[in-house]
Every structure is written in structure tokens, then in C-alpha cells.
Amino acid sequence: MSSGFVLAIFGPTASGKSAVAEELASRFPAQLISADSMQVYRGLPILTDQPAAPTRLVGVWDLQHEASVAEYQRLAHATIDDVLAAGKTPIVVGGTGLYLRAALSALELPPAPAPGQRERLQRLYDSVGAGRAHELLSERDPAAAAFVHPNDRRRVVRALELTEAGRSLRPEADRLWSGETRHPTVVVGLDVPREQLARRIEARTEAMFEAGVEDEVKRALAGPISATAQKAMGLEDVATLPRDEAIEALNLRTRRYAAYQRKWMRRIPSLVSVAADRPPGEVADDILEVVSSRQRLPARRGRAADA
């Protein structure tokens, strides 16, 4: 394990992660790295709320690319190591909990399924039924079967994929959510009161439409687009609904996703919660106090150093 230090910023959508991370990067030598499952795509910068500041692993794949956590993890590990080798601090900014943990974790994830493998196993599940598919999983991997409900089609299929690769769903889940990281790491979670977060979400949605998200989505859907890219939140709503209805639907989806992200925050080992209902500079000050007390970061510079 390297002696380098990694700072990770996590929080629900619209909690101000990008602004806080940019403020931190202005205080000491650092490089921002995205851990967002949709920001990895080119072609939807407005819909996926891609940051304006230079951020690694943003827009690295075409929309037709079928993304996987394992492929992202390889890129993230290499990027973090490159930043550390350059003498800078990686600031990993995540809205997707699984991507954040994959970037930080020492666990090597299995590769994506072979072409056609997932579809074949999905057809198997549908043809034999949930009970029999789960029995097959029990025969091949009892530990994973005990962990997955028979009616959870997605996870049963994924567990069967892993058995064909000589891997198991359950051990990987356990290790991924352990505190083990590749480098010394502090993970900070941004906490914003629910009502204030809802107002921020609504303001951001309005800004997306003012910035031209409808034309962006139309252009994206005019060409080839992968199944994973099609999961971009709000893509179908913006493409198919009148503007007012699309705004309402996107606000609802985003609020639900924010609630889901809050649950992820509770699962991240050793996460330090910081109140983020304040200007980004004040939030950054608190984060610097947390990490500086552990003597991880270089001396502050700029505004904080002059205070």
C-alpha cells in the first residue's frame, strides 16, 4: 500500500459535492476524480450535471459503450495512482456509492459478463421461473443463494454470472463494504436537511432546462446508445414528456434517488458526516479540520492560510 492519501467526498445529489471539492482543490495540490456512473459518458453533460472544473473520469466513454463497475474500477485505480505519483492528493467525488467504493477498495472486481451471457441467463430465469433459478444458484453457490431472494431477478442473474466466472456474489459484497482501502483514505459525507435539498434539486432541474437539456437528450437519442447509458436519470422523461411534466417527473426521481444515496452514506465504513447547508468554503474549512488533524494534508494555502 502506498503512503499517499486519498480524500473522498460523498453525498446525495444536489448536496454541493462538486463545489466543495473544487474549493478544497484550490487550497492544496489536488486533482478531482469523478465516481459517478453517468458522468463517465460523453454527450449528456447537462443531464448528468457534469462539473465545470477539470475532473478526471468525466466523459471518458461514448454513449454506445456498455459500462461496468469493474471497468470503471480499473480506470479509477490507475488514475488515483497517477495523481499520487505526481505528488497531489486525489479528491474522489462520488454520487454513485458503488463506484465510490470500487474506486477506493482494494478488492478486484470480476470483469463484465461476456457478450450475450447476461441475456442467456435472463432467459433461463424467465423460462424456469424464480424458484428453479434460485435452486440452480444454490447448487452452484450456496453462500450467494442465501444472500439473494429468489424474486430478485437482477441479483440472481448476476450471481449466476459470477459462478460461471468462478467467483461469488456474497464474499465480494462483504469485502467491498469493509473498511479496506488501497491507500489511507478519509471519506466525508455531505449532509443537507431534506427540505433544503429538495429546493436545491428543483433549482437544478430548472437550470437544466434553461441550459438546453431537451436538445441534448434529442441529440443523444438520435445515435446509438447503450443499455447502461439509457439508465441516465431523467433521460426518458425529458425525451417523452411535455416540459412541465418532465420537470415534475425529474424532480420526483431525483428526490427519491437522493433518499437512496442517504442510505448508501450509512453503509460506507468510517464516513465522517459534515453539515453542508452552508457556503462551499465553510464546508471545505470543516473538512480540512478533519483531515489536517490526522496530519494527512499539506499546509493550507490561499484564503484559509490567510485567515
Protein backbone atom coordinates (compact mmCIF):
# COMPACT_ATOMS: atom_id res chain seq x y z
CA MET A 1 0.00 0.00 0.00
CA SER A 2 1.20 3.45 -0.93
CA SER A 3 1.79 6.07 1.72
CA GLY A 4 -0.30 8.51 -0.35
CA PHE A 5 -3.53 9.96 0.98
CA VAL A 6 -6.96 9.97 -0.70
CA LEU A 7 -9.86 12.26 0.17
CA ALA A 8 -13.34 11.13 -0.89
CA ILE A 9 -16.45 13.32 -0.93
CA PHE A 10 -19.85 11.63 -1.00
CA GLY A 11 -23.39 12.92 -0.62
CA PRO A 12 -26.85 12.96 -2.15
CA THR A 13 -27.40 14.66 -5.45
CA ALA A 14 -27.51 18.47 -5.21
CA SER A 15 -25.70 18.43 -1.86
CA GLY A 16 -22.89 20.53 -3.34
CA LYS A 17 -20.20 17.86 -3.75
CA SER A 18 -18.60 19.42 -6.82
CA ALA A 19 -18.47 22.93 -5.39
CA VAL A 20 -16.96 21.72 -2.11
CA ALA A 21 -14.42 19.55 -3.93
CA GLU A 22 -13.40 22.45 -6.16
CA GLU A 23 -12.97 24.65 -3.10
CA LEU A 24 -10.76 22.02 -1.48
CA ALA A 25 -8.67 21.65 -4.63
CA SER A 26 -7.95 25.38 -4.50
CA ARG A 27 -6.40 25.00 -1.04
CA PHE A 28 -3.70 22.38 -1.72
CA PRO A 29 -2.24 20.42 -4.68
CA ALA A 30 -5.06 18.08 -5.69
CA GLN A 31 -6.83 16.50 -8.64
CA LEU A 32 -10.59 15.90 -8.81
CA ILE A 33 -11.74 12.41 -9.85
CA SER A 34 -15.39 11.58 -10.55
CA ALA A 35 -17.06 8.49 -9.10
CA ASP A 36 -20.39 8.86 -10.91
CA SER A 37 -21.86 6.11 -13.07
CA MET A 38 -23.39 8.53 -15.59
CA GLN A 39 -20.77 11.29 -15.71
CA VAL A 40 -18.41 8.77 -17.32
CA TYR A 41 -20.40 9.28 -20.56
CA ARG A 42 -19.88 11.91 -23.21
CA GLY A 43 -22.94 13.51 -24.76
CA LEU A 44 -25.10 14.24 -21.71
CA PRO A 45 -23.18 16.89 -19.73
CA ILE A 46 -26.30 18.85 -18.73
CA LEU A 47 -28.49 15.89 -17.77
CA THR A 48 -25.70 14.23 -15.76
CA ASP A 49 -24.64 17.54 -14.18
CA GLN A 50 -21.00 17.21 -15.18
CA PRO A 51 -18.66 19.55 -13.27
CA ALA A 52 -17.22 22.64 -14.93
CA ALA A 53 -13.82 22.24 -13.24
CA PRO A 54 -11.32 19.80 -14.77
CA THR A 55 -12.23 16.39 -13.37
CA ARG A 56 -10.77 13.04 -14.30
CA LEU A 57 -13.06 10.19 -15.43
CA VAL A 58 -15.74 12.54 -16.72
CA GLY A 59 -16.84 11.95 -20.32
CA VAL A 60 -14.47 9.05 -20.93
CA TRP A 61 -16.91 6.78 -22.82
CA ASP A 62 -19.21 7.24 -25.80
CA LEU A 63 -22.92 6.78 -25.18
CA GLN A 64 -22.88 3.45 -27.01
CA HIS A 65 -20.37 1.98 -24.55
CA GLU A 66 -21.68 -0.65 -22.12
CA ALA A 67 -20.16 0.46 -18.82
CA SER A 68 -19.32 -1.81 -15.90
CA VAL A 69 -18.18 -1.20 -12.35
CA ALA A 70 -15.13 -3.41 -12.91
CA GLU A 71 -14.01 -1.40 -15.95
CA TYR A 72 -14.53 1.86 -14.08
CA GLN A 73 -12.57 0.50 -11.12
CA ARG A 74 -9.52 -0.24 -13.27
CA LEU A 75 -9.57 3.31 -14.62
CA ALA A 76 -10.11 4.77 -11.15
CA HIS A 77 -7.25 2.82 -9.58
CA ALA A 78 -4.87 3.85 -12.36
CA THR A 79 -5.98 7.48 -12.14
CA ILE A 80 -5.63 7.66 -8.35
CA ASP A 81 -2.16 6.12 -8.56
CA ASP A 82 -1.12 8.61 -11.27
CA VAL A 83 -2.28 11.56 -9.16
CA LEU A 84 -0.43 10.28 -6.10
CA ALA A 85 2.70 9.69 -8.17
CA ALA A 86 2.52 13.34 -9.27
CA GLY A 87 2.62 14.41 -5.62
CA LYS A 88 -1.01 15.53 -5.49
CA THR A 89 -4.00 14.46 -3.39
CA PRO A 90 -6.79 12.64 -5.25
CA ILE A 91 -10.19 14.02 -4.33
CA VAL A 92 -12.69 11.37 -5.37
CA VAL A 93 -16.14 12.92 -5.77
CA GLY A 94 -18.97 10.42 -5.74
CA GLY A 95 -22.66 10.39 -6.21
CA THR A 96 -22.75 6.69 -7.04
CA GLY A 97 -21.96 4.73 -3.89
CA LEU A 98 -20.84 1.57 -5.65
CA TYR A 99 -18.50 3.49 -7.94
CA LEU A 100 -17.01 5.35 -4.98
CA ARG A 101 -16.35 2.14 -3.07
CA ALA A 102 -14.94 0.47 -6.18
CA ALA A 103 -12.53 3.38 -6.66
CA LEU A 104 -11.31 3.22 -3.07
CA SER A 105 -11.49 -0.52 -2.43
CA ALA A 106 -8.58 -2.90 -2.67
CA LEU A 107 -10.93 -5.59 -3.95
CA GLU A 108 -10.51 -6.55 -7.59
CA LEU A 109 -13.97 -6.83 -9.11
CA PRO A 110 -14.81 -9.51 -11.68
CA PRO A 111 -14.98 -8.48 -15.35
CA ALA A 112 -18.23 -7.61 -17.07
CA PRO A 113 -20.21 -10.58 -18.42
CA ALA A 114 -19.25 -11.96 -21.81
CA PRO A 115 -21.37 -10.81 -24.77
CA GLY A 116 -24.75 -12.49 -24.60
CA GLN A 117 -24.12 -14.14 -21.22
CA ARG A 118 -26.48 -11.93 -19.22
CA GLU A 119 -29.24 -12.22 -21.81
CA ARG A 120 -28.86 -16.03 -21.81
CA LEU A 121 -29.16 -16.22 -18.03
CA GLN A 122 -32.08 -13.81 -18.02
CA ARG A 123 -33.89 -16.08 -20.48
CA LEU A 124 -33.04 -19.04 -18.24
CA TYR A 125 -34.51 -17.27 -15.21
CA ASP A 126 -37.67 -16.38 -17.12
CA SER A 127 -38.11 -19.86 -18.62
CA VAL A 128 -37.58 -21.98 -15.48
CA GLY A 129 -39.02 -19.48 -13.01
CA ALA A 130 -37.66 -17.70 -9.96
CA GLY A 131 -37.71 -20.77 -7.71
CA ARG A 132 -35.84 -23.09 -10.02
CA ALA A 133 -33.31 -20.39 -10.99
CA HIS A 134 -32.60 -19.85 -7.31
CA GLU A 135 -32.22 -23.62 -6.82
CA LEU A 136 -29.61 -23.65 -9.59
CA LEU A 137 -27.78 -20.86 -7.80
CA SER A 138 -27.97 -22.84 -4.54
CA GLU A 139 -26.37 -25.83 -6.26
CA ARG A 140 -23.54 -23.71 -7.65
CA ASP A 141 -23.02 -21.18 -4.82
CA PRO A 142 -24.96 -21.81 -1.58
CA ALA A 143 -23.47 -18.75 0.16
CA ALA A 144 -24.65 -16.40 -2.57
CA ALA A 145 -28.06 -18.09 -2.73
CA ALA A 146 -28.55 -17.48 0.98
CA PHE A 147 -27.83 -13.82 0.37
CA VAL A 148 -30.21 -13.29 -2.60
CA HIS A 149 -34.00 -13.54 -2.66
CA PRO A 150 -35.39 -15.79 -5.43
CA ASN A 151 -37.61 -12.98 -6.75
CA ASP A 152 -34.65 -10.59 -7.15
CA ARG A 153 -34.13 -11.38 -10.83
CA ARG A 154 -31.25 -8.97 -11.35
CA ARG A 155 -29.17 -10.28 -8.46
CA VAL A 156 -29.92 -13.95 -9.11
CA VAL A 157 -28.78 -13.48 -12.71
CA ARG A 158 -25.67 -11.59 -11.56
CA ALA A 159 -24.86 -14.32 -9.02
CA LEU A 160 -25.16 -16.96 -11.74
CA GLU A 161 -22.87 -14.90 -13.97
CA LEU A 162 -20.28 -14.85 -11.23
CA THR A 163 -20.44 -18.60 -10.70
CA GLU A 164 -19.58 -19.07 -14.37
CA ALA A 165 -16.56 -16.83 -13.81
CA GLY A 166 -15.50 -18.82 -10.75
CA ARG A 167 -16.50 -16.00 -8.40
CA SER A 168 -19.15 -15.46 -5.73
CA LEU A 169 -21.51 -12.58 -5.11
CA ARG A 170 -21.53 -12.77 -1.32
CA PRO A 171 -17.80 -12.60 -0.49
CA GLU A 172 -17.29 -9.69 -2.88
CA ALA A 173 -20.15 -7.75 -1.33
CA ASP A 174 -18.72 -8.32 2.14
CA ARG A 175 -15.21 -7.22 1.21
CA LEU A 176 -16.34 -4.28 -0.89
CA TRP A 177 -18.15 -2.81 2.10
CA SER A 178 -15.31 -3.43 4.52
CA GLY A 179 -13.05 -0.59 5.60
CA GLU A 180 -10.18 -1.92 3.48
CA THR A 181 -8.86 0.67 1.01
CA ARG A 182 -5.87 0.75 -1.32
CA HIS A 183 -4.49 3.94 0.22
CA PRO A 184 -5.06 5.79 3.50
CA THR A 185 -8.43 7.42 2.93
CA VAL A 186 -10.86 9.77 4.62
CA VAL A 187 -14.44 9.64 3.34
CA VAL A 188 -16.57 12.71 4.04
CA GLY A 189 -20.34 12.67 3.66
CA LEU A 190 -22.18 15.93 2.97
CA ASP A 191 -25.38 16.26 4.99
CA VAL A 192 -28.07 18.70 3.85
CA PRO A 193 -31.52 18.94 5.52
CA ARG A 194 -34.18 17.22 3.45
CA GLU A 195 -36.28 20.33 2.71
CA GLN A 196 -33.27 22.37 1.66
CA LEU A 197 -32.05 19.53 -0.53
CA ALA A 198 -35.46 19.38 -2.23
CA ARG A 199 -35.23 23.11 -3.03
CA ARG A 200 -31.74 22.65 -4.46
CA ILE A 201 -32.96 19.75 -6.61
CA GLU A 202 -35.81 21.84 -8.02
CA ALA A 203 -33.48 24.76 -8.76
CA ARG A 204 -31.02 22.47 -10.53
CA THR A 205 -33.74 20.88 -12.64
CA GLU A 206 -34.97 24.30 -13.76
CA ALA A 207 -31.39 25.24 -14.64
CA MET A 208 -31.01 22.09 -16.73
CA PHE A 209 -33.99 23.00 -18.89
CA GLU A 210 -32.83 26.58 -19.24
CA ALA A 211 -29.43 25.26 -20.35
CA GLY A 212 -30.97 23.16 -23.15
CA VAL A 213 -31.27 19.65 -21.74
CA GLU A 214 -34.14 18.82 -24.13
CA ASP A 215 -31.98 19.39 -27.21
CA GLU A 216 -29.12 17.49 -25.57
CA VAL A 217 -31.31 14.45 -24.96
CA LYS A 218 -32.71 14.60 -28.50
CA ARG A 219 -29.19 14.56 -29.95
CA ALA A 220 -28.14 11.70 -27.67
CA LEU A 221 -31.08 9.51 -28.66
CA ALA A 222 -30.55 10.20 -32.35
CA GLY A 223 -27.49 7.92 -32.29
CA PRO A 224 -26.56 4.55 -30.80
CA ILE A 225 -26.88 4.41 -27.03
CA SER A 226 -26.09 1.54 -24.69
CA ALA A 227 -28.44 -0.03 -22.17
CA THR A 228 -26.35 1.39 -19.33
CA ALA A 229 -26.34 4.93 -20.76
CA GLN A 230 -30.11 4.74 -21.19
CA LYS A 231 -30.35 4.49 -17.39
CA ALA A 232 -29.33 8.14 -17.04
CA MET A 233 -31.88 9.60 -14.66
CA GLY A 234 -34.49 11.65 -16.45
CA LEU A 235 -33.47 10.64 -19.98
CA GLU A 236 -36.80 9.03 -20.81
CA ASP A 237 -38.81 11.73 -19.03
CA VAL A 238 -37.13 14.55 -20.92
CA ALA A 239 -37.46 12.68 -24.21
CA THR A 240 -41.12 11.75 -23.96
CA LEU A 241 -42.97 14.17 -21.69
CA PRO A 242 -44.07 17.80 -22.12
CA ARG A 243 -41.70 20.18 -20.34
CA ASP A 244 -43.81 20.79 -17.23
CA GLU A 245 -44.46 17.09 -16.75
CA ALA A 246 -40.81 16.24 -17.41
CA ILE A 247 -39.68 18.74 -14.78
CA GLU A 248 -42.11 17.30 -12.24
CA ALA A 249 -41.07 13.73 -13.03
CA LEU A 250 -37.35 14.52 -12.87
CA ASN A 251 -37.75 16.31 -9.54
CA LEU A 252 -39.56 13.29 -8.12
CA ARG A 253 -36.97 10.82 -9.41
CA THR A 254 -34.12 12.96 -8.11
CA ARG A 255 -35.64 13.27 -4.64
CA ARG A 256 -36.08 9.50 -4.49
CA TYR A 257 -32.52 8.98 -5.66
CA ALA A 258 -31.24 11.40 -3.01
CA ALA A 259 -33.03 9.35 -0.35
CA TYR A 260 -31.35 6.24 -1.74
CA GLN A 261 -27.96 7.95 -1.62
CA ARG A 262 -28.53 8.82 2.05
CA LYS A 263 -28.89 5.09 2.72
CA TRP A 264 -25.58 4.48 0.92
CA MET A 265 -23.94 7.03 3.20
CA ARG A 266 -24.86 4.91 6.21
CA ARG A 267 -23.18 1.89 4.62
CA ILE A 268 -19.79 3.50 3.97
CA PRO A 269 -17.28 2.49 6.66
CA SER A 270 -15.78 5.28 8.77
CA LEU A 271 -17.60 8.04 6.90
CA VAL A 272 -17.29 11.47 8.56
CA SER A 273 -20.51 13.49 8.23
CA VAL A 274 -20.22 17.23 7.65
CA ALA A 275 -23.11 19.73 7.56
CA ALA A 276 -23.33 21.08 4.01
CA ASP A 277 -26.17 23.59 4.32
CA ARG A 278 -23.59 26.38 4.14
CA PRO A 279 -21.38 28.02 1.52
CA PRO A 280 -18.81 25.62 -0.03
CA GLY A 281 -15.91 27.49 1.56
CA GLU A 282 -17.24 26.92 5.07
CA VAL A 283 -17.84 23.23 4.35
CA ALA A 284 -14.31 22.95 2.97
CA ASP A 285 -12.95 24.56 6.15
CA ASP A 286 -14.59 21.87 8.27
CA ILE A 287 -13.30 19.09 6.04
CA LEU A 288 -9.79 20.49 6.24
CA GLU A 289 -10.02 20.50 10.02
CA VAL A 290 -10.96 16.82 9.96
CA VAL A 291 -8.17 15.68 7.69
CA SER A 292 -5.49 18.10 8.91
CA SER A 293 -5.93 16.82 12.44
CA ARG A 294 -4.71 13.49 11.11
CA GLN A 295 -1.67 15.19 9.53
CA ARG A 296 -2.55 13.90 6.09
CA LEU A 297 -2.71 17.07 4.03
CA PRO A 298 -0.05 19.65 3.19
CA ALA A 299 -0.25 23.08 4.77
CA ARG A 300 -3.16 25.16 3.61
CA ARG A 301 -2.68 27.93 1.13
CA GLY A 302 -4.75 30.82 -0.17
CA ARG A 303 -7.72 32.20 1.76
CA ALA A 304 -7.64 29.63 4.55
CA ALA A 305 -3.95 30.19 5.17
CA ASP A 306 -4.51 33.95 5.43
CA ALA A 307 -7.40 33.70 7.87
